């Protein structure tokens, strides 16, 4: 079993995928890159290095420490956090507006 590595790779699309062959376009899509200067964080693994080796002329790669990288929060998680915050504020307002007995 392979353990998690202590480093991550930040892969950035530096050049346009216009004029690339379909295999290179698919590789860029697998890396999660759509726009120029867009960056994605991937684990430092041989699989990712294989993808990067196919499109080295289009991307740049930087190794960073895993603790220094904040992983993006999904839209669903952001929405859930905002809904929970709304519920908490409504509850706090309801408690304040209740008359004392």
N, C-alpha and C. Protein backbone atom coordinates (compact mmCIF):
# COMPACT_ATOMS: atom_id res chain seq x y z
N UNK A 1 0.84 -1.17 0.00
CA UNK A 1 0.00 0.00 0.00
C UNK A 1 0.88 1.24 0.00
N UNK A 2 0.53 2.20 -0.82
CA UNK A 2 1.31 3.41 -0.96
C UNK A 2 0.79 4.45 0.01
N UNK A 3 1.68 5.04 0.81
CA UNK A 3 1.29 6.07 1.76
C UNK A 3 1.22 7.43 1.09
N UNK A 4 0.65 8.39 1.79
CA UNK A 4 0.58 9.74 1.26
C UNK A 4 1.95 10.38 1.31
N UNK A 5 2.31 11.05 0.25
CA UNK A 5 3.61 11.70 0.21
C UNK A 5 3.52 13.04 0.94
N UNK A 6 4.67 13.52 1.38
CA UNK A 6 4.73 14.76 2.14
C UNK A 6 4.75 15.97 1.22
N UNK A 7 4.83 15.77 -0.09
CA UNK A 7 4.86 16.90 -1.01
C UNK A 7 3.68 16.82 -1.97
N UNK A 8 3.37 17.96 -2.50
CA UNK A 8 2.31 18.06 -3.51
C UNK A 8 2.89 18.79 -4.72
N UNK A 9 2.22 18.62 -5.83
CA UNK A 9 2.63 19.29 -7.06
C UNK A 9 1.59 20.35 -7.42
N UNK A 10 2.05 21.53 -7.71
CA UNK A 10 1.19 22.58 -8.23
C UNK A 10 1.45 22.64 -9.73
N UNK A 11 0.45 22.24 -10.51
CA UNK A 11 0.58 22.19 -11.96
C UNK A 11 -0.19 23.38 -12.53
N UNK A 12 0.48 24.20 -13.35
CA UNK A 12 -0.12 25.41 -13.91
C UNK A 12 -0.07 25.33 -15.42
N UNK A 13 -1.20 25.62 -16.06
CA UNK A 13 -1.25 25.67 -17.53
C UNK A 13 -0.64 26.98 -17.98
N UNK A 14 0.44 26.93 -18.74
CA UNK A 14 1.17 28.12 -19.16
C UNK A 14 0.91 28.51 -20.61
N UNK A 15 0.58 27.53 -21.46
CA UNK A 15 0.38 27.82 -22.87
C UNK A 15 -0.97 27.28 -23.31
N UNK A 16 -1.48 27.79 -24.39
CA UNK A 16 -2.79 27.40 -24.90
C UNK A 16 -2.76 25.98 -25.44
N UNK A 17 -3.91 25.33 -25.31
CA UNK A 17 -4.03 23.97 -25.84
C UNK A 17 -4.51 23.97 -27.29
N UNK A 18 -4.62 25.15 -27.90
CA UNK A 18 -4.98 25.23 -29.31
C UNK A 18 -3.85 24.63 -30.13
N UNK A 19 -4.17 23.75 -31.05
CA UNK A 19 -3.18 23.12 -31.90
C UNK A 19 -2.60 21.84 -31.33
N UNK A 20 -3.00 21.47 -30.13
CA UNK A 20 -2.52 20.22 -29.52
C UNK A 20 -3.31 19.05 -30.08
N UNK A 21 -2.71 17.88 -29.99
CA UNK A 21 -3.46 16.69 -30.42
C UNK A 21 -4.46 16.30 -29.34
N UNK A 22 -5.45 15.49 -29.67
CA UNK A 22 -6.50 15.14 -28.71
C UNK A 22 -6.00 14.46 -27.44
N UNK A 23 -4.94 13.69 -27.53
CA UNK A 23 -4.40 13.02 -26.33
C UNK A 23 -3.88 14.06 -25.35
N UNK A 24 -3.21 15.09 -25.85
CA UNK A 24 -2.70 16.14 -24.97
C UNK A 24 -3.84 16.94 -24.35
N UNK A 25 -4.90 17.18 -25.12
CA UNK A 25 -6.07 17.89 -24.58
C UNK A 25 -6.72 17.08 -23.46
N UNK A 26 -6.81 15.78 -23.65
CA UNK A 26 -7.39 14.92 -22.62
C UNK A 26 -6.52 14.91 -21.36
N UNK A 27 -5.22 14.91 -21.55
CA UNK A 27 -4.30 14.92 -20.41
C UNK A 27 -4.46 16.22 -19.63
N UNK A 28 -4.59 17.34 -20.32
CA UNK A 28 -4.79 18.62 -19.65
C UNK A 28 -6.11 18.60 -18.89
N UNK A 29 -7.14 18.02 -19.49
CA UNK A 29 -8.43 17.92 -18.81
C UNK A 29 -8.32 17.03 -17.57
N UNK A 30 -7.57 15.94 -17.65
CA UNK A 30 -7.38 15.06 -16.49
C UNK A 30 -6.63 15.76 -15.37
N UNK A 31 -5.77 16.68 -15.72
CA UNK A 31 -5.06 17.46 -14.71
C UNK A 31 -5.96 18.54 -14.11
N UNK A 32 -7.15 18.73 -14.67
CA UNK A 32 -8.10 19.70 -14.15
C UNK A 32 -7.82 21.12 -14.61
N UNK A 33 -7.16 21.28 -15.73
CA UNK A 33 -6.79 22.60 -16.21
C UNK A 33 -7.64 22.98 -17.41
N UNK A 34 -8.21 24.18 -17.39
CA UNK A 34 -9.04 24.65 -18.48
C UNK A 34 -8.53 25.95 -19.09
N UNK A 35 -8.08 26.85 -18.24
CA UNK A 35 -7.67 28.18 -18.69
C UNK A 35 -6.18 28.40 -18.44
N UNK A 36 -5.60 29.28 -19.24
CA UNK A 36 -4.20 29.63 -19.07
C UNK A 36 -4.02 30.30 -17.71
N UNK A 37 -2.94 30.01 -17.03
CA UNK A 37 -2.59 30.47 -15.68
C UNK A 37 -3.46 29.85 -14.59
N UNK A 38 -4.22 28.83 -14.93
CA UNK A 38 -4.98 28.11 -13.93
C UNK A 38 -4.07 27.06 -13.30
N UNK A 39 -4.14 26.92 -11.99
CA UNK A 39 -3.27 25.97 -11.28
C UNK A 39 -4.11 24.99 -10.49
N UNK A 40 -3.63 23.77 -10.39
CA UNK A 40 -4.27 22.72 -9.60
C UNK A 40 -3.22 22.03 -8.75
N UNK A 41 -3.64 21.57 -7.59
CA UNK A 41 -2.76 20.87 -6.68
C UNK A 41 -3.02 19.37 -6.81
N UNK A 42 -1.96 18.60 -7.01
CA UNK A 42 -2.05 17.15 -7.15
C UNK A 42 -1.05 16.49 -6.20
N UNK A 43 -1.31 15.24 -5.81
CA UNK A 43 -0.32 14.53 -5.01
C UNK A 43 0.94 14.25 -5.83
N UNK A 44 2.06 14.20 -5.17
CA UNK A 44 3.32 13.91 -5.84
C UNK A 44 3.40 12.40 -6.05
N UNK A 45 2.94 11.95 -7.22
CA UNK A 45 2.92 10.52 -7.51
C UNK A 45 3.41 10.27 -8.93
N UNK A 46 3.82 9.05 -9.21
CA UNK A 46 4.28 8.73 -10.56
C UNK A 46 3.19 8.90 -11.62
N UNK A 47 1.95 8.70 -11.24
CA UNK A 47 0.85 8.87 -12.19
C UNK A 47 0.77 10.32 -12.67
N UNK A 48 0.82 11.24 -11.73
CA UNK A 48 0.74 12.65 -12.08
C UNK A 48 1.96 13.07 -12.88
N UNK A 49 3.13 12.57 -12.51
CA UNK A 49 4.34 12.88 -13.29
C UNK A 49 4.22 12.34 -14.71
N UNK A 50 3.55 11.22 -14.89
CA UNK A 50 3.31 10.68 -16.24
C UNK A 50 2.43 11.59 -17.05
N UNK A 51 1.38 12.12 -16.43
CA UNK A 51 0.52 13.07 -17.13
C UNK A 51 1.29 14.32 -17.50
N UNK A 52 2.08 14.82 -16.56
CA UNK A 52 2.84 16.05 -16.80
C UNK A 52 3.86 15.84 -17.91
N UNK A 53 4.46 14.65 -17.98
CA UNK A 53 5.48 14.40 -19.01
C UNK A 53 4.91 14.46 -20.42
N UNK A 54 3.61 14.22 -20.56
CA UNK A 54 2.99 14.30 -21.88
C UNK A 54 2.81 15.73 -22.35
N UNK A 55 2.70 16.66 -21.41
CA UNK A 55 2.41 18.05 -21.78
C UNK A 55 3.39 19.03 -21.14
N UNK A 56 4.65 18.64 -21.06
CA UNK A 56 5.66 19.50 -20.41
C UNK A 56 5.81 20.85 -21.11
N UNK A 57 5.52 20.89 -22.40
CA UNK A 57 5.67 22.14 -23.14
C UNK A 57 4.50 23.10 -22.89
N UNK A 58 3.45 22.64 -22.20
CA UNK A 58 2.28 23.48 -21.94
C UNK A 58 2.10 23.86 -20.47
N UNK A 59 2.75 23.12 -19.58
CA UNK A 59 2.53 23.34 -18.14
C UNK A 59 3.83 23.61 -17.42
N UNK A 60 3.71 24.17 -16.22
CA UNK A 60 4.85 24.28 -15.32
C UNK A 60 4.48 23.55 -14.04
N UNK A 61 5.48 22.97 -13.39
CA UNK A 61 5.26 22.17 -12.20
C UNK A 61 6.12 22.71 -11.07
N UNK A 62 5.53 22.78 -9.89
CA UNK A 62 6.26 23.24 -8.71
C UNK A 62 5.95 22.29 -7.56
N UNK A 63 6.99 21.83 -6.88
CA UNK A 63 6.82 20.98 -5.71
C UNK A 63 6.67 21.86 -4.48
N UNK A 64 5.65 21.57 -3.67
CA UNK A 64 5.44 22.32 -2.43
C UNK A 64 5.18 21.33 -1.31
N UNK A 65 5.44 21.78 -0.09
CA UNK A 65 5.17 20.96 1.08
C UNK A 65 3.66 20.83 1.26
N UNK A 66 3.20 19.65 1.62
CA UNK A 66 1.76 19.40 1.75
C UNK A 66 1.12 20.27 2.81
N UNK A 67 1.85 20.61 3.86
CA UNK A 67 1.27 21.44 4.91
C UNK A 67 1.12 22.90 4.47
N UNK A 68 1.86 23.31 3.44
CA UNK A 68 1.81 24.69 2.98
C UNK A 68 0.68 24.92 1.98
N UNK A 69 0.04 23.86 1.54
CA UNK A 69 -0.99 23.97 0.51
C UNK A 69 -2.37 23.83 1.14
N UNK A 70 -3.22 24.79 0.85
CA UNK A 70 -4.61 24.68 1.27
C UNK A 70 -5.38 24.05 0.13
N UNK A 71 -6.04 22.95 0.40
CA UNK A 71 -6.84 22.31 -0.63
C UNK A 71 -8.14 23.08 -0.80
N UNK A 72 -8.61 23.21 -2.04
CA UNK A 72 -9.83 23.97 -2.26
C UNK A 72 -11.05 23.31 -1.63
N UNK A 73 -11.97 24.13 -1.17
CA UNK A 73 -13.21 23.63 -0.59
C UNK A 73 -14.24 23.52 -1.71
N UNK A 74 -14.96 22.41 -1.73
CA UNK A 74 -15.96 22.21 -2.77
C UNK A 74 -17.12 23.19 -2.61
N UNK A 75 -17.86 23.40 -3.68
CA UNK A 75 -19.00 24.30 -3.63
C UNK A 75 -20.05 23.81 -2.64
N UNK A 76 -20.23 22.50 -2.60
CA UNK A 76 -21.21 21.94 -1.68
C UNK A 76 -20.84 22.24 -0.23
N UNK A 77 -19.55 22.10 0.10
CA UNK A 77 -19.11 22.37 1.47
C UNK A 77 -19.28 23.85 1.80
N UNK A 78 -18.97 24.75 0.85
CA UNK A 78 -19.14 26.18 1.08
C UNK A 78 -20.61 26.50 1.32
N UNK A 79 -21.49 25.91 0.50
CA UNK A 79 -22.92 26.16 0.64
C UNK A 79 -23.43 25.67 1.99
N UNK A 80 -22.96 24.50 2.42
CA UNK A 80 -23.38 23.95 3.70
C UNK A 80 -22.94 24.85 4.85
N UNK A 81 -21.71 25.35 4.78
CA UNK A 81 -21.21 26.25 5.82
C UNK A 81 -22.04 27.53 5.88
N UNK A 82 -22.39 28.09 4.72
CA UNK A 82 -23.16 29.33 4.73
C UNK A 82 -24.58 29.08 5.25
N UNK A 83 -25.17 27.94 4.93
CA UNK A 83 -26.51 27.62 5.44
C UNK A 83 -26.48 27.44 6.95
N UNK A 84 -25.45 26.78 7.46
CA UNK A 84 -25.32 26.60 8.90
C UNK A 84 -25.15 27.94 9.60
N UNK A 85 -24.41 28.84 9.01
CA UNK A 85 -24.21 30.17 9.60
C UNK A 85 -25.53 30.94 9.63
N UNK A 86 -26.34 30.82 8.57
CA UNK A 86 -27.64 31.50 8.54
C UNK A 86 -28.56 30.96 9.63
N UNK A 87 -28.56 29.66 9.81
CA UNK A 87 -29.41 29.04 10.83
C UNK A 87 -28.99 29.51 12.22
N UNK A 88 -27.68 29.58 12.45
CA UNK A 88 -27.18 30.04 13.75
C UNK A 88 -27.58 31.48 14.03
N UNK A 89 -27.52 32.35 13.04
CA UNK A 89 -27.90 33.75 13.25
C UNK A 89 -29.40 33.87 13.48
N UNK A 90 -30.20 33.08 12.78
CA UNK A 90 -31.65 33.10 13.00
C UNK A 90 -31.98 32.63 14.40
N UNK A 91 -31.31 31.58 14.86
CA UNK A 91 -31.54 31.08 16.21
C UNK A 91 -31.15 32.12 17.26
N UNK A 92 -30.04 32.80 17.04
CA UNK A 92 -29.58 33.82 17.98
C UNK A 92 -30.57 34.99 18.02
N UNK A 93 -31.10 35.36 16.86
CA UNK A 93 -32.08 36.44 16.82
C UNK A 93 -33.37 36.04 17.50
N UNK A 94 -33.79 34.79 17.34
CA UNK A 94 -35.02 34.29 17.97
C UNK A 94 -34.89 34.28 19.48
N UNK A 95 -33.73 33.92 19.97
CA UNK A 95 -33.51 33.88 21.43
C UNK A 95 -33.54 35.30 21.99
N UNK A 96 -32.98 36.27 21.29
CA UNK A 96 -32.95 37.65 21.76
C UNK A 96 -34.35 38.27 21.76
N UNK A 97 -35.18 37.91 20.78
CA UNK A 97 -36.50 38.51 20.65
C UNK A 97 -37.57 37.87 21.54
N UNK A 98 -37.27 36.75 22.19
CA UNK A 98 -38.24 36.11 23.08
C UNK A 98 -38.46 36.97 24.31
N UNK A 99 -39.72 37.14 24.71
CA UNK A 99 -39.98 37.94 25.90
C UNK A 99 -39.60 37.18 27.17
N UNK A 100 -39.14 37.90 28.15
CA UNK A 100 -38.75 37.28 29.43
C UNK A 100 -40.00 37.02 30.27
N UNK A 101 -40.05 35.89 30.94
CA UNK A 101 -41.23 35.55 31.77
C UNK A 101 -40.96 35.73 33.21
